[in-house]
Amino acid sequence: MGLDYSSPGISFDLKNGRIFVYKTTAEAIGHPEYARFMFSPEDRVFGIQACGIDDEGAHRFRVSGDQYTVKIMALVRFIYETCGWEKDVTFRAVGVVRLDAVYFDLKQAEKAR
């Protein structure tokens, strides 16, 4: 597949319990300060949607270069277990913008190089 850096992207790091949201993904949802994360274990689809500080499931983004980072160890651990990913590898995926959110098919995720 090969990661397309012009498309929305995301990566997951189990070791640090972090989700890295690429600049293109943040742009697609309006560079929010807070976002909610959605995960369908049955479909292995992950979504990101901008939200406000008081909205249910709100997580604050931390800006780091061209990425936004969020530390959510329990969610990252659940995703790795659900997807059967190797624990010592970072995985990344390309997203699709639909309405006001970006969705990632984690069945198509690749090992980061």
Protein backbone atom coordinates (compact mmCIF):
# COMPACT_ATOMS: atom_id res chain seq x y z
CA MET A 1 0.00 0.00 0.00
CA GLY A 2 2.64 2.59 0.99
CA LEU A 3 1.76 5.54 3.18
CA ASP A 4 0.64 8.62 1.28
CA TYR A 5 1.85 11.63 3.26
CA SER A 6 -0.60 13.95 1.47
CA SER A 7 -3.53 11.96 2.92
CA PRO A 8 -4.66 12.00 6.54
CA GLY A 9 -2.50 9.66 8.61
CA ILE A 10 -2.13 8.28 12.11
CA SER A 11 0.28 6.03 13.96
CA PHE A 12 0.15 4.04 17.18
CA ASP A 13 3.01 3.34 19.60
CA LEU A 14 2.27 0.76 22.29
CA LYS A 15 5.56 1.21 24.14
CA ASN A 16 4.63 4.80 25.05
CA GLY A 17 0.85 4.44 24.80
CA ARG A 18 0.68 7.24 22.25
CA ILE A 19 -1.38 8.04 19.21
CA PHE A 20 0.35 10.32 16.69
CA VAL A 21 -2.10 12.29 14.55
CA TYR A 22 -0.43 13.63 11.43
CA LYS A 23 -0.77 17.27 10.39
CA THR A 24 -2.90 16.28 7.38
CA THR A 25 -5.40 14.60 9.71
CA ALA A 26 -5.53 17.61 12.03
CA GLU A 27 -6.09 19.86 9.01
CA ALA A 28 -8.97 17.66 7.83
CA ILE A 29 -10.81 18.18 11.13
CA GLY A 30 -9.91 21.85 11.60
CA HIS A 31 -6.81 21.73 13.87
CA PRO A 32 -8.82 21.16 17.05
CA GLU A 33 -7.47 21.59 20.54
CA TYR A 34 -9.60 18.62 21.63
CA ALA A 35 -10.75 15.51 19.80
CA ARG A 36 -12.61 12.31 20.53
CA PHE A 37 -11.46 8.91 19.37
CA MET A 38 -13.80 6.17 18.20
CA PHE A 39 -12.91 2.53 17.65
CA SER A 40 -15.04 -0.30 16.26
CA PRO A 41 -13.32 -3.54 17.32
CA GLU A 42 -15.57 -5.62 15.05
CA ASP A 43 -14.62 -3.66 11.94
CA ARG A 44 -11.19 -2.54 13.19
CA VAL A 45 -12.00 1.01 12.15
CA PHE A 46 -10.62 3.94 14.14
CA GLY A 47 -12.02 7.47 13.92
CA ILE A 48 -11.06 10.95 15.06
CA GLN A 49 -13.53 13.81 15.42
CA ALA A 50 -12.99 17.37 16.67
CA CYS A 51 -14.84 18.25 19.84
CA GLY A 52 -14.91 20.73 22.70
CA ILE A 53 -13.32 20.43 26.13
CA ASP A 54 -16.67 19.55 27.76
CA ASP A 55 -17.70 16.90 25.21
CA GLU A 56 -17.76 13.26 26.19
CA GLY A 57 -14.51 11.48 25.35
CA ALA A 58 -12.57 14.73 24.79
CA HIS A 59 -8.77 14.39 24.74
CA ARG A 60 -6.39 17.31 24.41
CA PHE A 61 -3.90 17.27 21.56
CA ARG A 62 -0.26 18.04 22.26
CA VAL A 63 1.50 19.57 19.27
CA SER A 64 4.91 18.10 18.41
CA GLY A 65 6.37 19.27 15.10
CA ASP A 66 4.09 18.14 12.30
CA GLN A 67 2.14 15.80 14.59
CA TYR A 68 -0.38 16.03 17.36
CA THR A 69 0.09 13.46 20.11
CA VAL A 70 -2.26 11.98 22.66
CA LYS A 71 -1.28 9.52 25.37
CA ILE A 72 -4.05 6.98 26.00
CA MET A 73 -2.34 3.76 27.08
CA ALA A 74 -5.54 1.74 27.66
CA LEU A 75 -6.95 2.55 24.20
CA VAL A 76 -3.65 1.90 22.42
CA ARG A 77 -3.25 -1.42 24.27
CA PHE A 78 -6.82 -2.42 23.32
CA ILE A 79 -6.18 -1.58 19.65
CA TYR A 80 -2.96 -3.63 19.56
CA GLU A 81 -4.69 -6.61 21.17
CA THR A 82 -7.76 -6.36 18.91
CA CYS A 83 -5.68 -6.03 15.74
CA GLY A 84 -3.14 -8.71 16.76
CA TRP A 85 -0.24 -6.33 16.19
CA GLU A 86 3.32 -7.02 17.29
CA LYS A 87 3.85 -5.20 20.58
CA ASP A 88 7.28 -3.73 19.81
CA VAL A 89 6.32 -2.21 16.44
CA THR A 90 4.74 1.16 15.62
CA PHE A 91 1.86 0.92 13.14
CA ARG A 92 0.47 3.61 10.88
CA ALA A 93 -2.58 3.95 8.67
CA VAL A 94 -4.02 6.25 6.02
CA GLY A 95 -7.43 7.80 6.67
CA VAL A 96 -10.49 8.87 4.76
CA VAL A 97 -12.42 12.05 5.56
CA ARG A 98 -16.17 11.53 5.97
CA LEU A 99 -18.37 14.40 7.11
CA ASP A 100 -16.69 15.85 10.22
CA ALA A 101 -14.33 12.99 11.07
CA VAL A 102 -11.40 10.99 9.70
CA TYR A 103 -11.63 7.19 9.68
CA PHE A 104 -8.81 4.66 9.46
CA ASP A 105 -9.15 1.02 8.39
CA LEU A 106 -6.70 -0.61 10.81
CA LYS A 107 -6.84 -3.86 8.80
CA GLN A 108 -4.74 -1.92 6.26
CA ALA A 109 -2.27 -0.50 8.81
CA GLU A 110 1.44 -0.95 8.06
CA LYS A 111 4.50 -1.25 10.21
CA ALA A 112 6.31 2.06 10.47
CA ARG A 113 9.82 1.97 9.03
